[in-house]
Amino acid sequence: MDTPGNVIDKLMTVNLKIYYNLCSKDRDKLCDLNLQRLSLQDEVSLLVDKIAKNQLKAIDISRPQHKTY
């Protein structure tokens, strides 16, 4: 399961792809990207509802990362 942050990051990436492909002639690509955007928006809404109803574990809301550089 993705965290809300992961889903929002995916949504922002799809939004950028849509923006950069608006001038393209490939309508199929834009249609597919728009379907992805709608699906991700629905997923964000479901996650927000689950958070509001305390139906998610804390680890599913935020996963701390310990990066080594």
PDB file of N, CA and C in Angstrom:
ATOM      1  N   MET A   1       0.843  -1.184   0.000  1.00  0.00           N
ATOM      2  CA  MET A   1       0.000   0.000   0.000  1.00  0.00           C
ATOM      3  C   MET A   1       0.885   1.243   0.000  1.00  0.00           C
ATOM      4  N   ASP A   2       0.508   2.183  -0.831  1.00  0.00           N
ATOM      5  CA  ASP A   2       1.233   3.445  -0.882  1.00  0.00           C
ATOM      6  C   ASP A   2       0.778   4.363   0.249  1.00  0.00           C
ATOM      7  N   THR A   3       1.698   5.179   0.709  1.00  0.00           N
ATOM      8  CA  THR A   3       1.334   6.205   1.682  1.00  0.00           C
ATOM      9  C   THR A   3       0.659   7.350   0.929  1.00  0.00           C
ATOM     10  N   PRO A   4      -0.055   8.210   1.638  1.00  0.00           N
ATOM     11  CA  PRO A   4      -0.661   9.361   0.960  1.00  0.00           C
ATOM     12  C   PRO A   4       0.378  10.208   0.216  1.00  0.00           C
ATOM     13  N   GLY A   5       1.547  10.351   0.795  1.00  0.00           N
ATOM     14  CA  GLY A   5       2.603  11.119   0.137  1.00  0.00           C
ATOM     15  C   GLY A   5       3.041  10.493  -1.173  1.00  0.00           C
ATOM     16  N   ASN A   6       3.141   9.153  -1.207  1.00  0.00           N
ATOM     17  CA  ASN A   6       3.501   8.458  -2.446  1.00  0.00           C
ATOM     18  C   ASN A   6       2.452   8.689  -3.528  1.00  0.00           C
ATOM     19  N   VAL A   7       1.194   8.602  -3.152  1.00  0.00           N
ATOM     20  CA  VAL A   7       0.114   8.768  -4.120  1.00  0.00           C
ATOM     21  C   VAL A   7       0.081  10.207  -4.634  1.00  0.00           C
ATOM     22  N   ILE A   8       0.265  11.168  -3.748  1.00  0.00           N
ATOM     23  CA  ILE A   8       0.278  12.578  -4.154  1.00  0.00           C
ATOM     24  C   ILE A   8       1.460  12.848  -5.076  1.00  0.00           C
ATOM     25  N   ASP A   9       2.609  12.238  -4.789  1.00  0.00           N
ATOM     26  CA  ASP A   9       3.776  12.384  -5.656  1.00  0.00           C
ATOM     27  C   ASP A   9       3.480  11.832  -7.054  1.00  0.00           C
ATOM     28  N   LYS A  10       2.837  10.673  -7.126  1.00  0.00           N
ATOM     29  CA  LYS A  10       2.461  10.098  -8.421  1.00  0.00           C
ATOM     30  C   LYS A  10       1.486  11.016  -9.158  1.00  0.00           C
ATOM     31  N   LEU A  11       0.544  11.585  -8.416  1.00  0.00           N
ATOM     32  CA  LEU A  11      -0.439  12.488  -9.007  1.00  0.00           C
ATOM     33  C   LEU A  11       0.235  13.730  -9.585  1.00  0.00           C
ATOM     34  N   MET A  12       1.168  14.303  -8.853  1.00  0.00           N
ATOM     35  CA  MET A  12       1.886  15.481  -9.351  1.00  0.00           C
ATOM     36  C   MET A  12       2.701  15.143 -10.601  1.00  0.00           C
ATOM     37  N   THR A  13       3.294  13.952 -10.626  1.00  0.00           N
ATOM     38  CA  THR A  13       4.064  13.525 -11.800  1.00  0.00           C
ATOM     39  C   THR A  13       3.157  13.386 -13.015  1.00  0.00           C
ATOM     40  N   VAL A  14       1.986  12.787 -12.839  1.00  0.00           N
ATOM     41  CA  VAL A  14       1.038  12.642 -13.943  1.00  0.00           C
ATOM     42  C   VAL A  14       0.558  14.016 -14.407  1.00  0.00           C
ATOM     43  N   ASN A  15       0.312  14.928 -13.467  1.00  0.00           N
ATOM     44  CA  ASN A  15      -0.100  16.285 -13.843  1.00  0.00           C
ATOM     45  C   ASN A  15       0.970  16.968 -14.690  1.00  0.00           C
ATOM     46  N   LEU A  16       2.226  16.798 -14.321  1.00  0.00           N
ATOM     47  CA  LEU A  16       3.316  17.373 -15.113  1.00  0.00           C
ATOM     48  C   LEU A  16       3.390  16.747 -16.504  1.00  0.00           C
ATOM     49  N   LYS A  17       3.202  15.433 -16.584  1.00  0.00           N
ATOM     50  CA  LYS A  17       3.208  14.759 -17.882  1.00  0.00           C
ATOM     51  C   LYS A  17       2.077  15.286 -18.766  1.00  0.00           C
ATOM     52  N   ILE A  18       0.905  15.502 -18.176  1.00  0.00           N
ATOM     53  CA  ILE A  18      -0.215  16.049 -18.934  1.00  0.00           C
ATOM     54  C   ILE A  18       0.132  17.443 -19.438  1.00  0.00           C
ATOM     55  N   TYR A  19       0.679  18.269 -18.571  1.00  0.00           N
ATOM     56  CA  TYR A  19       1.038  19.641 -18.943  1.00  0.00           C
ATOM     57  C   TYR A  19       2.024  19.658 -20.108  1.00  0.00           C
ATOM     58  N   TYR A  20       3.045  18.818 -20.034  1.00  0.00           N
ATOM     59  CA  TYR A  20       4.073  18.816 -21.073  1.00  0.00           C
ATOM     60  C   TYR A  20       3.618  18.126 -22.354  1.00  0.00           C
ATOM     61  N   ASN A  21       2.517  17.411 -22.323  1.00  0.00           N
ATOM     62  CA  ASN A  21       2.015  16.744 -23.520  1.00  0.00           C
ATOM     63  C   ASN A  21       0.775  17.410 -24.107  1.00  0.00           C
ATOM     64  N   LEU A  22       0.385  18.558 -23.569  1.00  0.00           N
ATOM     65  CA  LEU A  22      -0.817  19.222 -24.066  1.00  0.00           C
ATOM     66  C   LEU A  22      -0.694  19.625 -25.535  1.00  0.00           C
ATOM     67  N   CYS A  23       0.495  19.993 -25.962  1.00  0.00           N
ATOM     68  CA  CYS A  23       0.688  20.426 -27.348  1.00  0.00           C
ATOM     69  C   CYS A  23       0.919  19.257 -28.301  1.00  0.00           C
ATOM     70  N   SER A  24       1.067  18.071 -27.772  1.00  0.00           N
ATOM     71  CA  SER A  24       1.325  16.926 -28.641  1.00  0.00           C
ATOM     72  C   SER A  24       0.059  16.525 -29.384  1.00  0.00           C
ATOM     73  N   LYS A  25       0.251  15.849 -30.461  1.00  0.00           N
ATOM     74  CA  LYS A  25      -0.882  15.375 -31.259  1.00  0.00           C
ATOM     75  C   LYS A  25      -1.381  14.014 -30.776  1.00  0.00           C
ATOM     76  N   ASP A  26      -0.714  13.456 -29.787  1.00  0.00           N
ATOM     77  CA  ASP A  26      -1.044  12.113 -29.310  1.00  0.00           C
ATOM     78  C   ASP A  26      -2.181  12.173 -28.288  1.00  0.00           C
ATOM     79  N   ARG A  27      -3.395  12.139 -28.784  1.00  0.00           N
ATOM     80  CA  ARG A  27      -4.571  12.217 -27.910  1.00  0.00           C
ATOM     81  C   ARG A  27      -4.726  10.962 -27.051  1.00  0.00           C
ATOM     82  N   ASP A  28      -4.261   9.827 -27.554  1.00  0.00           N
ATOM     83  CA  ASP A  28      -4.341   8.581 -26.773  1.00  0.00           C
ATOM     84  C   ASP A  28      -3.522   8.680 -25.503  1.00  0.00           C
ATOM     85  N   LYS A  29      -2.340   9.269 -25.627  1.00  0.00           N
ATOM     86  CA  LYS A  29      -1.472   9.438 -24.459  1.00  0.00           C
ATOM     87  C   LYS A  29      -2.144  10.345 -23.432  1.00  0.00           C
ATOM     88  N   LEU A  30      -2.715  11.454 -23.896  1.00  0.00           N
ATOM     89  CA  LEU A  30      -3.388  12.372 -22.975  1.00  0.00           C
ATOM     90  C   LEU A  30      -4.598  11.714 -22.317  1.00  0.00           C
ATOM     91  N   CYS A  31      -5.307  10.917 -23.065  1.00  0.00           N
ATOM     92  CA  CYS A  31      -6.467  10.204 -22.505  1.00  0.00           C
ATOM     93  C   CYS A  31      -6.021   9.228 -21.422  1.00  0.00           C
ATOM     94  N   ASP A  32      -4.951   8.479 -21.693  1.00  0.00           N
ATOM     95  CA  ASP A  32      -4.423   7.532 -20.701  1.00  0.00           C
ATOM     96  C   ASP A  32      -3.935   8.258 -19.453  1.00  0.00           C
ATOM     97  N   LEU A  33      -3.224   9.370 -19.657  1.00  0.00           N
ATOM     98  CA  LEU A  33      -2.729  10.137 -18.513  1.00  0.00           C
ATOM     99  C   LEU A  33      -3.884  10.702 -17.693  1.00  0.00           C
ATOM    100  N   ASN A  34      -4.927  11.148 -18.366  1.00  0.00           N
ATOM    101  CA  ASN A  34      -6.079  11.683 -17.646  1.00  0.00           C
ATOM    102  C   ASN A  34      -6.770  10.592 -16.832  1.00  0.00           C
ATOM    103  N   LEU A  35      -6.857   9.382 -17.378  1.00  0.00           N
ATOM    104  CA  LEU A  35      -7.434   8.268 -16.618  1.00  0.00           C
ATOM    105  C   LEU A  35      -6.581   7.948 -15.387  1.00  0.00           C
ATOM    106  N   GLN A  36      -5.259   8.006 -15.558  1.00  0.00           N
ATOM    107  CA  GLN A  36      -4.368   7.798 -14.417  1.00  0.00           C
ATOM    108  C   GLN A  36      -4.599   8.869 -13.359  1.00  0.00           C
ATOM    109  N   ARG A  37      -4.737  10.122 -13.817  1.00  0.00           N
ATOM    110  CA  ARG A  37      -4.952  11.229 -12.882  1.00  0.00           C
ATOM    111  C   ARG A  37      -6.245  11.035 -12.094  1.00  0.00           C
ATOM    112  N   LEU A  38      -7.312  10.655 -12.781  1.00  0.00           N
ATOM    113  CA  LEU A  38      -8.592  10.441 -12.099  1.00  0.00           C
ATOM    114  C   LEU A  38      -8.499   9.306 -11.079  1.00  0.00           C
ATOM    115  N   SER A  39      -7.810   8.244 -11.446  1.00  0.00           N
ATOM    116  CA  SER A  39      -7.631   7.114 -10.537  1.00  0.00           C
ATOM    117  C   SER A  39      -6.834   7.518  -9.302  1.00  0.00           C
ATOM    118  N   LEU A  40      -5.779   8.278  -9.509  1.00  0.00           N
ATOM    119  CA  LEU A  40      -4.963   8.726  -8.377  1.00  0.00           C
ATOM    120  C   LEU A  40      -5.726   9.703  -7.488  1.00  0.00           C
ATOM    121  N   GLN A  41      -6.544  10.569  -8.095  1.00  0.00           N
ATOM    122  CA  GLN A  41      -7.360  11.486  -7.296  1.00  0.00           C
ATOM    123  C   GLN A  41      -8.339  10.710  -6.421  1.00  0.00           C
ATOM    124  N   ASP A  42      -8.929   9.661  -6.981  1.00  0.00           N
ATOM    125  CA  ASP A  42      -9.834   8.808  -6.196  1.00  0.00           C
ATOM    126  C   ASP A  42      -9.085   8.142  -5.046  1.00  0.00           C
ATOM    127  N   GLU A  43      -7.866   7.677  -5.332  1.00  0.00           N
ATOM    128  CA  GLU A  43      -7.073   7.011  -4.293  1.00  0.00           C
ATOM    129  C   GLU A  43      -6.716   7.974  -3.161  1.00  0.00           C
ATOM    130  N   VAL A  44      -6.384   9.219  -3.507  1.00  0.00           N
ATOM    131  CA  VAL A  44      -6.090  10.228  -2.483  1.00  0.00           C
ATOM    132  C   VAL A  44      -7.328  10.454  -1.621  1.00  0.00           C
ATOM    133  N   SER A  45      -8.476  10.574  -2.258  1.00  0.00           N
ATOM    134  CA  SER A  45      -9.725  10.794  -1.506  1.00  0.00           C
ATOM    135  C   SER A  45     -10.012   9.641  -0.547  1.00  0.00           C
ATOM    136  N   LEU A  46      -9.818   8.413  -1.021  1.00  0.00           N
ATOM    137  CA  LEU A  46     -10.048   7.252  -0.154  1.00  0.00           C
ATOM    138  C   LEU A  46      -9.086   7.240   1.028  1.00  0.00           C
ATOM    139  N   LEU A  47      -7.823   7.557   0.766  1.00  0.00           N
ATOM    140  CA  LEU A  47      -6.843   7.579   1.857  1.00  0.00           C
ATOM    141  C   LEU A  47      -7.171   8.659   2.879  1.00  0.00           C
ATOM    142  N   VAL A  48      -7.590   9.824   2.411  1.00  0.00           N
ATOM    143  CA  VAL A  48      -7.957  10.910   3.335  1.00  0.00           C
ATOM    144  C   VAL A  48      -9.150  10.492   4.188  1.00  0.00           C
ATOM    145  N   ASP A  49     -10.136   9.841   3.569  1.00  0.00           N
ATOM    146  CA  ASP A  49     -11.294   9.353   4.326  1.00  0.00           C
ATOM    147  C   ASP A  49     -10.873   8.337   5.382  1.00  0.00           C
ATOM    148  N   LYS A  50      -9.982   7.411   5.001  1.00  0.00           N
ATOM    149  CA  LYS A  50      -9.519   6.404   5.958  1.00  0.00           C
ATOM    150  C   LYS A  50      -8.734   7.037   7.097  1.00  0.00           C
ATOM    151  N   ILE A  51      -7.938   8.049   6.791  1.00  0.00           N
ATOM    152  CA  ILE A  51      -7.192   8.743   7.846  1.00  0.00           C
ATOM    153  C   ILE A  51      -8.165   9.433   8.798  1.00  0.00           C
ATOM    154  N   ALA A  52      -9.174  10.093   8.237  1.00  0.00           N
ATOM    155  CA  ALA A  52     -10.156  10.807   9.064  1.00  0.00           C
ATOM    156  C   ALA A  52     -10.936   9.854   9.969  1.00  0.00           C
ATOM    157  N   LYS A  53     -11.135   8.625   9.508  1.00  0.00           N
ATOM    158  CA  LYS A  53     -11.892   7.639  10.290  1.00  0.00           C
ATOM    159  C   LYS A  53     -10.988   6.730  11.113  1.00  0.00           C
ATOM    160  N   ASN A  54      -9.707   7.051  11.190  1.00  0.00           N
ATOM    161  CA  ASN A  54      -8.717   6.263  11.935  1.00  0.00           C
ATOM    162  C   ASN A  54      -8.694   4.799  11.506  1.00  0.00           C
ATOM    163  N   GLN A  55      -8.787   4.563  10.197  1.00  0.00           N
ATOM    164  CA  GLN A  55      -8.791   3.205   9.671  1.00  0.00           C
ATOM    165  C   GLN A  55      -7.415   2.784   9.137  1.00  0.00           C
ATOM    166  N   LEU A  56      -6.441   3.651   9.250  1.00  0.00           N
ATOM    167  CA  LEU A  56      -5.091   3.320   8.789  1.00  0.00           C
ATOM    168  C   LEU A  56      -4.123   3.309   9.963  1.00  0.00           C
ATOM    169  N   LYS A  57      -3.192   2.386   9.902  1.00  0.00           N
ATOM    170  CA  LYS A  57      -2.126   2.364  10.899  1.00  0.00           C
ATOM    171  C   LYS A  57      -1.170   3.526  10.624  1.00  0.00           C
ATOM    172  N   ALA A  58      -0.509   3.972  11.660  1.00  0.00           N
ATOM    173  CA  ALA A  58       0.430   5.090  11.514  1.00  0.00           C
ATOM    174  C   ALA A  58       1.513   4.783  10.483  1.00  0.00           C
ATOM    175  N   ILE A  59       1.956   3.533  10.415  1.00  0.00           N
ATOM    176  CA  ILE A  59       3.012   3.157   9.476  1.00  0.00           C
ATOM    177  C   ILE A  59       2.515   3.246   8.029  1.00  0.00           C
ATOM    178  N   ASP A  60       1.197   3.146   7.807  1.00  0.00           N
ATOM    179  CA  ASP A  60       0.641   3.280   6.463  1.00  0.00           C
ATOM    180  C   ASP A  60       0.408   4.731   6.064  1.00  0.00           C
ATOM    181  N   ILE A  61       0.481   5.634   7.019  1.00  0.00           N
ATOM    182  CA  ILE A  61       0.324   7.058   6.737  1.00  0.00           C
ATOM    183  C   ILE A  61       1.684   7.691   6.448  1.00  0.00           C
ATOM    184  N   SER A  62       2.671   7.324   7.235  1.00  0.00           N
ATOM    185  CA  SER A  62       4.005   7.891   7.065  1.00  0.00           C
ATOM    186  C   SER A  62       5.022   6.803   7.348  1.00  0.00           C
ATOM    187  N   ARG A  63       5.945   6.639   6.416  1.00  0.00           N
ATOM    188  CA  ARG A  63       7.022   5.661   6.591  1.00  0.00           C
ATOM    189  C   ARG A  63       8.337   6.411   6.650  1.00  0.00           C
ATOM    190  N   PRO A  64       8.888   6.529   7.852  1.00  0.00           N
ATOM    191  CA  PRO A  64      10.167   7.238   7.980  1.00  0.00           C
ATOM    192  C   PRO A  64      11.258   6.561   7.157  1.00  0.00           C
ATOM    193  N   GLN A  65      12.077   7.374   6.535  1.00  0.00           N
ATOM    194  CA  GLN A  65      13.177   6.854   5.742  1.00  0.00           C
ATOM    195  C   GLN A  65      14.494   7.261   6.382  1.00  0.00           C
ATOM    196  N   HIS A  66      15.379   6.317   6.443  1.00  0.00           N
ATOM    197  CA  HIS A  66      16.706   6.577   6.992  1.00  0.00           C
ATOM    198  C   HIS A  66      17.703   6.347   5.872  1.00  0.00           C
ATOM    199  N   LYS A  67      18.032   7.418   5.188  1.00  0.00           N
ATOM    200  CA  LYS A  67      18.908   7.307   4.026  1.00  0.00           C
ATOM    201  C   LYS A  67      20.364   7.443   4.432  1.00  0.00           C
ATOM    202  N   THR A  68      21.170   6.676   3.761  1.00  0.00           N
ATOM    203  CA  THR A  68      22.609   6.757   3.970  1.00  0.00           C
ATOM    204  C   THR A  68      23.219   7.317   2.697  1.00  0.00           C
ATOM    205  N   TYR A  69      23.985   8.393   2.841  1.00  0.00           N
ATOM    206  CA  TYR A  69      24.595   9.020   1.657  1.00  0.00           C
ATOM    207  C   TYR A  69      26.091   8.779   1.682  1.00  0.00           C
TER     208      TYR A  69
END
